[in-house]
Amino acid sequence: MAHPAEPPITLSEMDGVRYLHFGSVWVQGAMRIREPIRIEIEYVRQMMAWLLFLGEGQRILQLGLGAGALTRFCHARLPGCSLTVVECSTQVVAAVRRHFKLPREDARLRIVVDDAGRFVQSAGAGSCDVLQVDLYDQHARGPVLDSEAFYRACARSLGPAGVMTVNLFGDGHHFARSLARISEAFGGRIIDFPATEAGNVVVLAFKGPPIDVDWTALEARAAQLERSLGLETRAWVAALKQIAGTPISAFRV
């Protein structure tokens, strides 16, 4: 009998895309079979928005493996980065290795089977530059780790100019509560993108002193990233400008 923390792993395929499920209809991740490096799901691509603000050679800590999309992409397309991935389920790790082309561990990639909350609480201060957080169970009602103490631990683990990206999904009550806790832990220095078509909202949270971000420089950075990585980074900047709500030369985060 499966332990509650190890839900049954199920797969589905449609139109050349393989999906990971935790024994429910909710999709936990996806991979286009002929293009495994491509990030198939919109919100997962958007979790790479930290690239607008940081260089590509970062120490990345990823909490939640999913179907390995972020891991495959970062390992293949960001050769200057190092990546530690924390996943609590041995069954998920085994399934992603078998069915979703999880890269082999090497000098740049480490897979840790552990509770994400425990891991980030014990991580050294400033031990990563980028934190990617996507922690959902088979019910997908809200993040499984969502306390202010957890987000404060996330902030502590980031370096002096680090960025966290978080996937928020669930009803309005869960979303508002999560957003408030992230904001409190990061001193209000957060940006929440417009919801994707599927209803996911990616939140960026910034560590360190506030910075003024020049639109011209940001747009040039986005164009370069779109050419080199194939991410829709220019659309992300357009969304940020809409959020800022005024045609000023810079915005502050």
C-alpha atoms as a PDB file:
ATOM      1  CA  MET A   1       0.000   0.000   0.000  1.00  0.00           C
ATOM      2  CA  ALA A   2       1.343   3.442  -0.932  1.00  0.00           C
ATOM      3  CA  HIS A   3       2.197   5.818   1.890  1.00  0.00           C
ATOM      4  CA  PRO A   4       0.135   9.055   1.789  1.00  0.00           C
ATOM      5  CA  ALA A   5       3.306  11.028   1.041  1.00  0.00           C
ATOM      6  CA  GLU A   6       3.923   8.780  -1.985  1.00  0.00           C
ATOM      7  CA  PRO A   7       0.771   9.090  -4.141  1.00  0.00           C
ATOM      8  CA  PRO A   8       0.402   6.726  -7.070  1.00  0.00           C
ATOM      9  CA  ILE A   9       2.185   7.963 -10.185  1.00  0.00           C
ATOM     10  CA  THR A  10       0.130   7.934 -13.370  1.00  0.00           C
ATOM     11  CA  LEU A  11       0.959   9.081 -16.899  1.00  0.00           C
ATOM     12  CA  SER A  12      -1.073  10.256 -19.851  1.00  0.00           C
ATOM     13  CA  GLU A  13      -0.190  11.313 -23.389  1.00  0.00           C
ATOM     14  CA  MET A  14      -1.940  13.569 -25.880  1.00  0.00           C
ATOM     15  CA  ASP A  15      -0.753  15.205 -29.114  1.00  0.00           C
ATOM     16  CA  GLY A  16       2.876  14.255 -28.534  1.00  0.00           C
ATOM     17  CA  VAL A  17       2.988  15.490 -24.931  1.00  0.00           C
ATOM     18  CA  ARG A  18       3.478  13.207 -21.924  1.00  0.00           C
ATOM     19  CA  TYR A  19       1.893  14.314 -18.638  1.00  0.00           C
ATOM     20  CA  LEU A  20       2.649  13.393 -15.039  1.00  0.00           C
ATOM     21  CA  HIS A  21      -0.189  12.962 -12.528  1.00  0.00           C
ATOM     22  CA  PHE A  22      -0.231  12.083  -8.844  1.00  0.00           C
ATOM     23  CA  GLY A  23      -3.156   9.697  -9.094  1.00  0.00           C
ATOM     24  CA  SER A  24      -5.614  12.471  -9.999  1.00  0.00           C
ATOM     25  CA  VAL A  25      -6.698  14.525 -13.008  1.00  0.00           C
ATOM     26  CA  TRP A  26      -4.402  17.386 -12.022  1.00  0.00           C
ATOM     27  CA  VAL A  27      -1.308  17.754 -14.202  1.00  0.00           C
ATOM     28  CA  GLN A  28       1.931  17.867 -12.204  1.00  0.00           C
ATOM     29  CA  GLY A  29       4.202  18.373 -15.211  1.00  0.00           C
ATOM     30  CA  ALA A  30       4.631  17.695 -18.898  1.00  0.00           C
ATOM     31  CA  MET A  31       7.204  16.985 -21.601  1.00  0.00           C
ATOM     32  CA  ARG A  32       6.920  17.177 -25.372  1.00  0.00           C
ATOM     33  CA  ILE A  33       8.339  13.785 -26.320  1.00  0.00           C
ATOM     34  CA  ARG A  34      10.202  14.982 -29.422  1.00  0.00           C
ATOM     35  CA  GLU A  35      11.462  18.174 -27.720  1.00  0.00           C
ATOM     36  CA  PRO A  36      12.250  17.220 -24.112  1.00  0.00           C
ATOM     37  CA  ILE A  37      14.288  20.365 -23.356  1.00  0.00           C
ATOM     38  CA  ARG A  38      11.427  22.670 -24.302  1.00  0.00           C
ATOM     39  CA  ILE A  39       9.295  23.796 -21.340  1.00  0.00           C
ATOM     40  CA  GLU A  40       5.804  22.799 -22.388  1.00  0.00           C
ATOM     41  CA  ILE A  41       3.612  24.476 -19.753  1.00  0.00           C
ATOM     42  CA  GLU A  42       3.219  28.263 -19.783  1.00  0.00           C
ATOM     43  CA  TYR A  43       3.557  28.955 -16.061  1.00  0.00           C
ATOM     44  CA  VAL A  44       6.656  26.745 -15.830  1.00  0.00           C
ATOM     45  CA  ARG A  45       8.298  28.795 -18.581  1.00  0.00           C
ATOM     46  CA  GLN A  46       7.358  31.931 -16.671  1.00  0.00           C
ATOM     47  CA  MET A  47       9.164  30.617 -13.603  1.00  0.00           C
ATOM     48  CA  MET A  48      12.345  31.384 -15.567  1.00  0.00           C
ATOM     49  CA  ALA A  49      11.540  35.124 -15.398  1.00  0.00           C
ATOM     50  CA  TRP A  50      14.367  35.605 -12.908  1.00  0.00           C
ATOM     51  CA  LEU A  51      16.603  35.632 -15.997  1.00  0.00           C
ATOM     52  CA  LEU A  52      15.364  39.161 -16.688  1.00  0.00           C
ATOM     53  CA  PHE A  53      17.141  40.352 -13.544  1.00  0.00           C
ATOM     54  CA  LEU A  54      20.100  37.999 -13.044  1.00  0.00           C
ATOM     55  CA  GLY A  55      22.791  36.535 -15.264  1.00  0.00           C
ATOM     56  CA  GLU A  56      22.680  32.934 -16.405  1.00  0.00           C
ATOM     57  CA  GLY A  57      25.502  31.557 -14.212  1.00  0.00           C
ATOM     58  CA  GLN A  58      23.615  31.169 -10.945  1.00  0.00           C
ATOM     59  CA  ARG A  59      23.316  28.722  -8.062  1.00  0.00           C
ATOM     60  CA  ILE A  60      19.751  27.462  -8.454  1.00  0.00           C
ATOM     61  CA  LEU A  61      17.756  25.681  -5.750  1.00  0.00           C
ATOM     62  CA  GLN A  62      14.563  24.050  -6.998  1.00  0.00           C
ATOM     63  CA  LEU A  63      11.917  22.846  -4.548  1.00  0.00           C
ATOM     64  CA  GLY A  64       9.665  20.280  -6.214  1.00  0.00           C
ATOM     65  CA  LEU A  65      10.741  18.220  -9.220  1.00  0.00           C
ATOM     66  CA  GLY A  66       7.422  17.913 -11.057  1.00  0.00           C
ATOM     67  CA  ALA A  67       8.092  16.271 -14.417  1.00  0.00           C
ATOM     68  CA  GLY A  68      11.591  17.748 -14.484  1.00  0.00           C
ATOM     69  CA  ALA A  69      10.941  20.546 -17.012  1.00  0.00           C
ATOM     70  CA  LEU A  70      12.909  23.221 -15.148  1.00  0.00           C
ATOM     71  CA  THR A  71      15.687  20.742 -14.412  1.00  0.00           C
ATOM     72  CA  ARG A  72      16.038  19.656 -18.031  1.00  0.00           C
ATOM     73  CA  PHE A  73      15.956  23.224 -19.311  1.00  0.00           C
ATOM     74  CA  CYS A  74      18.396  24.727 -16.810  1.00  0.00           C
ATOM     75  CA  HIS A  75      20.844  21.841 -17.121  1.00  0.00           C
ATOM     76  CA  ALA A  76      20.836  21.922 -20.931  1.00  0.00           C
ATOM     77  CA  ARG A  77      20.467  25.628 -21.700  1.00  0.00           C
ATOM     78  CA  LEU A  78      22.263  27.345 -18.804  1.00  0.00           C
ATOM     79  CA  PRO A  79      25.690  25.677 -18.746  1.00  0.00           C
ATOM     80  CA  GLY A  80      27.059  28.178 -16.235  1.00  0.00           C
ATOM     81  CA  CYS A  81      24.537  27.323 -13.546  1.00  0.00           C
ATOM     82  CA  SER A  82      24.598  24.743 -10.793  1.00  0.00           C
ATOM     83  CA  LEU A  83      21.309  23.142  -9.784  1.00  0.00           C
ATOM     84  CA  THR A  84      20.107  21.428  -6.611  1.00  0.00           C
ATOM     85  CA  VAL A  85      16.650  19.855  -6.857  1.00  0.00           C
ATOM     86  CA  VAL A  86      14.753  18.805  -3.714  1.00  0.00           C
ATOM     87  CA  GLU A  87      11.908  16.293  -4.073  1.00  0.00           C
ATOM     88  CA  CYS A  88      10.279  14.428  -1.177  1.00  0.00           C
ATOM     89  CA  SER A  89       9.056  11.432  -3.203  1.00  0.00           C
ATOM     90  CA  THR A  90      11.368   8.662  -4.331  1.00  0.00           C
ATOM     91  CA  GLN A  91       8.586   7.479  -6.649  1.00  0.00           C
ATOM     92  CA  VAL A  92       8.457  10.854  -8.407  1.00  0.00           C
ATOM     93  CA  VAL A  93      12.233  10.874  -8.899  1.00  0.00           C
ATOM     94  CA  ALA A  94      12.140   7.324 -10.286  1.00  0.00           C
ATOM     95  CA  ALA A  95       9.230   8.121 -12.627  1.00  0.00           C
ATOM     96  CA  VAL A  96      10.898  11.270 -13.971  1.00  0.00           C
ATOM     97  CA  ARG A  97      14.129   9.362 -14.550  1.00  0.00           C
ATOM     98  CA  ARG A  98      12.288   6.634 -16.418  1.00  0.00           C
ATOM     99  CA  HIS A  99       9.672   8.580 -18.368  1.00  0.00           C
ATOM    100  CA  PHE A 100      10.767  12.254 -18.494  1.00  0.00           C
ATOM    101  CA  LYS A 101      14.478  12.167 -19.355  1.00  0.00           C
ATOM    102  CA  LEU A 102      15.774  13.509 -16.047  1.00  0.00           C
ATOM    103  CA  PRO A 103      19.471  14.346 -16.620  1.00  0.00           C
ATOM    104  CA  ARG A 104      22.075  12.286 -14.826  1.00  0.00           C
ATOM    105  CA  GLU A 105      23.581  13.896 -11.768  1.00  0.00           C
ATOM    106  CA  ASP A 106      26.960  15.486 -12.410  1.00  0.00           C
ATOM    107  CA  ALA A 107      29.130  18.334 -11.140  1.00  0.00           C
ATOM    108  CA  ARG A 108      26.322  20.796 -11.916  1.00  0.00           C
ATOM    109  CA  LEU A 109      23.235  18.803 -10.910  1.00  0.00           C
ATOM    110  CA  ARG A 110      22.299  17.285  -7.563  1.00  0.00           C
ATOM    111  CA  ILE A 111      18.990  15.525  -6.811  1.00  0.00           C
ATOM    112  CA  VAL A 112      18.099  15.408  -3.104  1.00  0.00           C
ATOM    113  CA  VAL A 113      15.251  13.278  -1.730  1.00  0.00           C
ATOM    114  CA  ASP A 114      14.086  15.280   1.280  1.00  0.00           C
ATOM    115  CA  ASP A 115      11.266  17.386   2.628  1.00  0.00           C
ATOM    116  CA  ALA A 116      11.572  20.821   0.986  1.00  0.00           C
ATOM    117  CA  GLY A 117      10.681  22.666   4.180  1.00  0.00           C
ATOM    118  CA  ARG A 118      13.271  20.826   6.214  1.00  0.00           C
ATOM    119  CA  PHE A 119      15.890  21.294   3.506  1.00  0.00           C
ATOM    120  CA  VAL A 120      15.421  25.036   3.131  1.00  0.00           C
ATOM    121  CA  GLN A 121      15.307  25.540   6.909  1.00  0.00           C
ATOM    122  CA  SER A 122      18.707  23.858   7.219  1.00  0.00           C
ATOM    123  CA  ALA A 123      20.229  25.494   4.128  1.00  0.00           C
ATOM    124  CA  GLY A 124      22.931  27.991   4.852  1.00  0.00           C
ATOM    125  CA  ALA A 125      22.178  31.692   4.601  1.00  0.00           C
ATOM    126  CA  GLY A 126      22.932  32.900   1.100  1.00  0.00           C
ATOM    127  CA  SER A 127      23.415  29.357  -0.196  1.00  0.00           C
ATOM    128  CA  CYS A 128      21.636  29.980  -3.523  1.00  0.00           C
ATOM    129  CA  ASP A 129      21.031  32.843  -5.941  1.00  0.00           C
ATOM    130  CA  VAL A 130      17.781  31.607  -7.483  1.00  0.00           C
ATOM    131  CA  LEU A 131      14.982  29.697  -5.758  1.00  0.00           C
ATOM    132  CA  GLN A 132      12.279  28.011  -7.868  1.00  0.00           C
ATOM    133  CA  VAL A 133       9.328  26.812  -5.763  1.00  0.00           C
ATOM    134  CA  ASP A 134       6.524  24.610  -7.114  1.00  0.00           C
ATOM    135  CA  LEU A 135       5.097  22.446  -4.316  1.00  0.00           C
ATOM    136  CA  TYR A 136       1.698  20.831  -4.874  1.00  0.00           C
ATOM    137  CA  ASP A 137       0.158  17.491  -4.018  1.00  0.00           C
ATOM    138  CA  GLN A 138      -2.467  15.475  -5.895  1.00  0.00           C
ATOM    139  CA  HIS A 139      -5.288  17.730  -4.620  1.00  0.00           C
ATOM    140  CA  ALA A 140      -3.741  21.002  -5.946  1.00  0.00           C
ATOM    141  CA  ARG A 141      -5.779  23.142  -3.551  1.00  0.00           C
ATOM    142  CA  GLY A 142      -2.777  25.263  -2.588  1.00  0.00           C
ATOM    143  CA  PRO A 143       0.958  24.947  -1.948  1.00  0.00           C
ATOM    144  CA  VAL A 144       1.809  22.182   0.506  1.00  0.00           C
ATOM    145  CA  LEU A 145       4.352  24.507   2.150  1.00  0.00           C
ATOM    146  CA  ASP A 146       2.885  27.965   2.524  1.00  0.00           C
ATOM    147  CA  SER A 147       3.675  29.468   5.938  1.00  0.00           C
ATOM    148  CA  GLU A 148       5.362  32.803   6.488  1.00  0.00           C
ATOM    149  CA  ALA A 149       8.120  30.898   8.331  1.00  0.00           C
ATOM    150  CA  PHE A 150       8.722  28.824   5.186  1.00  0.00           C
ATOM    151  CA  TYR A 151       8.960  31.900   2.963  1.00  0.00           C
ATOM    152  CA  ARG A 152      11.274  33.588   5.466  1.00  0.00           C
ATOM    153  CA  ALA A 153      13.528  30.529   5.307  1.00  0.00           C
ATOM    154  CA  CYS A 154      13.431  30.825   1.509  1.00  0.00           C
ATOM    155  CA  ALA A 155      14.481  34.475   1.742  1.00  0.00           C
ATOM    156  CA  ARG A 156      17.296  33.601   4.154  1.00  0.00           C
ATOM    157  CA  SER A 157      18.644  30.937   1.788  1.00  0.00           C
ATOM    158  CA  LEU A 158      19.030  33.462  -1.034  1.00  0.00           C
ATOM    159  CA  GLY A 159      22.165  35.481  -1.640  1.00  0.00           C
ATOM    160  CA  PRO A 160      22.222  39.288  -1.308  1.00  0.00           C
ATOM    161  CA  ALA A 161      20.588  39.914  -4.700  1.00  0.00           C
ATOM    162  CA  GLY A 162      18.676  36.650  -5.070  1.00  0.00           C
ATOM    163  CA  VAL A 163      15.290  36.068  -6.690  1.00  0.00           C
ATOM    164  CA  MET A 164      12.592  33.518  -5.851  1.00  0.00           C
ATOM    165  CA  THR A 165       9.909  32.408  -8.309  1.00  0.00           C
ATOM    166  CA  VAL A 166       6.815  30.676  -6.928  1.00  0.00           C
ATOM    167  CA  ASN A 167       3.865  28.999  -8.616  1.00  0.00           C
ATOM    168  CA  LEU A 168       0.589  29.855  -6.913  1.00  0.00           C
ATOM    169  CA  PHE A 169      -2.556  27.996  -7.836  1.00  0.00           C
ATOM    170  CA  GLY A 170      -5.797  27.489  -5.991  1.00  0.00           C
ATOM    171  CA  ASP A 171      -8.894  29.385  -4.962  1.00  0.00           C
ATOM    172  CA  GLY A 172      -8.915  33.089  -4.193  1.00  0.00           C
ATOM    173  CA  HIS A 173      -8.561  32.578  -0.446  1.00  0.00           C
ATOM    174  CA  HIS A 174      -5.443  30.444  -0.820  1.00  0.00           C
ATOM    175  CA  PHE A 175      -3.909  32.829  -3.356  1.00  0.00           C
ATOM    176  CA  ALA A 176      -4.434  35.991  -1.301  1.00  0.00           C
ATOM    177  CA  ARG A 177      -3.072  34.333   1.826  1.00  0.00           C
ATOM    178  CA  SER A 178       0.006  32.992   0.008  1.00  0.00           C
ATOM    179  CA  LEU A 179       0.725  36.328  -1.644  1.00  0.00           C
ATOM    180  CA  ALA A 180       0.485  38.166   1.680  1.00  0.00           C
ATOM    181  CA  ARG A 181       2.893  35.735   3.341  1.00  0.00           C
ATOM    182  CA  ILE A 182       5.440  36.005   0.530  1.00  0.00           C
ATOM    183  CA  SER A 183       5.182  39.794   0.625  1.00  0.00           C
ATOM    184  CA  GLU A 184       5.726  39.863   4.370  1.00  0.00           C
ATOM    185  CA  ALA A 185       8.767  37.579   4.152  1.00  0.00           C
ATOM    186  CA  PHE A 186      10.340  39.655   1.357  1.00  0.00           C
ATOM    187  CA  GLY A 187       9.524  43.123   2.637  1.00  0.00           C
ATOM    188  CA  GLY A 188       6.899  43.777  -0.006  1.00  0.00           C
ATOM    189  CA  ARG A 189       9.356  43.360  -2.889  1.00  0.00           C
ATOM    190  CA  ILE A 190       7.239  41.060  -5.033  1.00  0.00           C
ATOM    191  CA  ILE A 191       5.708  41.015  -8.508  1.00  0.00           C
ATOM    192  CA  ASP A 192       2.793  38.752  -9.391  1.00  0.00           C
ATOM    193  CA  PHE A 193       2.298  38.153 -13.095  1.00  0.00           C
ATOM    194  CA  PRO A 194      -1.191  37.991 -14.606  1.00  0.00           C
ATOM    195  CA  ALA A 195      -2.746  34.529 -14.301  1.00  0.00           C
ATOM    196  CA  THR A 196      -2.035  32.114 -17.117  1.00  0.00           C
ATOM    197  CA  GLU A 197      -4.886  30.569 -19.080  1.00  0.00           C
ATOM    198  CA  ALA A 198      -4.758  27.563 -16.737  1.00  0.00           C
ATOM    199  CA  GLY A 199      -5.076  29.810 -13.676  1.00  0.00           C
ATOM    200  CA  ASN A 200      -1.501  29.665 -12.364  1.00  0.00           C
ATOM    201  CA  VAL A 201       0.122  32.848 -11.077  1.00  0.00           C
ATOM    202  CA  VAL A 202       3.904  33.143 -10.941  1.00  0.00           C
ATOM    203  CA  VAL A 203       5.256  35.428  -8.226  1.00  0.00           C
ATOM    204  CA  LEU A 204       8.754  36.905  -8.227  1.00  0.00           C
ATOM    205  CA  ALA A 205      10.233  37.882  -4.843  1.00  0.00           C
ATOM    206  CA  PHE A 206      13.432  39.886  -4.547  1.00  0.00           C
ATOM    207  CA  LYS A 207      16.150  39.781  -1.879  1.00  0.00           C
ATOM    208  CA  GLY A 208      18.454  42.655  -1.057  1.00  0.00           C
ATOM    209  CA  PRO A 209      18.158  46.427  -1.363  1.00  0.00           C
ATOM    210  CA  PRO A 210      15.509  47.830  -3.720  1.00  0.00           C
ATOM    211  CA  ILE A 211      16.643  48.401  -7.287  1.00  0.00           C
ATOM    212  CA  ASP A 212      15.442  50.672 -10.070  1.00  0.00           C
ATOM    213  CA  VAL A 213      14.946  48.691 -13.265  1.00  0.00           C
ATOM    214  CA  ASP A 214      15.273  50.582 -16.551  1.00  0.00           C
ATOM    215  CA  TRP A 215      12.676  49.586 -19.142  1.00  0.00           C
ATOM    216  CA  THR A 216      15.027  50.050 -22.091  1.00  0.00           C
ATOM    217  CA  ALA A 217      17.640  47.798 -20.539  1.00  0.00           C
ATOM    218  CA  LEU A 218      15.019  45.259 -19.528  1.00  0.00           C
ATOM    219  CA  GLU A 219      13.528  45.154 -23.022  1.00  0.00           C
ATOM    220  CA  ALA A 220      17.001  44.669 -24.535  1.00  0.00           C
ATOM    221  CA  ARG A 221      17.701  41.870 -22.057  1.00  0.00           C
ATOM    222  CA  ALA A 222      14.356  40.232 -22.898  1.00  0.00           C
ATOM    223  CA  ALA A 223      15.057  40.363 -26.635  1.00  0.00           C
ATOM    224  CA  GLN A 224      18.456  38.730 -26.142  1.00  0.00           C
ATOM    225  CA  LEU A 225      16.986  35.976 -23.958  1.00  0.00           C
ATOM    226  CA  GLU A 226      14.186  35.313 -26.427  1.00  0.00           C
ATOM    227  CA  ARG A 227      16.722  34.854 -29.233  1.00  0.00           C
ATOM    228  CA  SER A 228      19.050  32.633 -27.235  1.00  0.00           C
ATOM    229  CA  LEU A 229      16.626  30.568 -25.142  1.00  0.00           C
ATOM    230  CA  GLY A 230      13.320  30.671 -27.001  1.00  0.00           C
ATOM    231  CA  LEU A 231      11.350  31.910 -23.989  1.00  0.00           C
ATOM    232  CA  GLU A 232       8.624  34.525 -24.457  1.00  0.00           C
ATOM    233  CA  THR A 233      10.568  37.035 -22.358  1.00  0.00           C
ATOM    234  CA  ARG A 234       9.403  40.105 -24.302  1.00  0.00           C
ATOM    235  CA  ALA A 235       5.808  39.253 -23.417  1.00  0.00           C
ATOM    236  CA  TRP A 236       6.852  39.028 -19.765  1.00  0.00           C
ATOM    237  CA  VAL A 237       8.305  42.534 -19.891  1.00  0.00           C
ATOM    238  CA  ALA A 238       5.124  43.792 -21.551  1.00  0.00           C
ATOM    239  CA  ALA A 239       3.169  42.277 -18.655  1.00  0.00           C
ATOM    240  CA  LEU A 240       5.469  43.991 -16.155  1.00  0.00           C
ATOM    241  CA  LYS A 241       4.897  47.338 -17.866  1.00  0.00           C
ATOM    242  CA  GLN A 242       1.162  46.799 -17.640  1.00  0.00           C
ATOM    243  CA  ILE A 243       1.485  45.993 -13.937  1.00  0.00           C
ATOM    244  CA  ALA A 244       3.560  49.147 -13.381  1.00  0.00           C
ATOM    245  CA  GLY A 245       0.650  51.073 -14.877  1.00  0.00           C
ATOM    246  CA  THR A 246       2.578  54.113 -16.041  1.00  0.00           C
ATOM    247  CA  PRO A 247       5.029  54.807 -18.903  1.00  0.00           C
ATOM    248  CA  ILE A 248       7.903  55.720 -16.614  1.00  0.00           C
ATOM    249  CA  SER A 249      11.522  55.077 -17.565  1.00  0.00           C
ATOM    250  CA  ALA A 250      12.125  52.711 -14.653  1.00  0.00           C
ATOM    251  CA  PHE A 251      10.263  50.733 -12.044  1.00  0.00           C
ATOM    252  CA  ARG A 252      11.396  49.771  -8.559  1.00  0.00           C
ATOM    253  CA  VAL A 253      11.594  46.293  -7.022  1.00  0.00           C
END
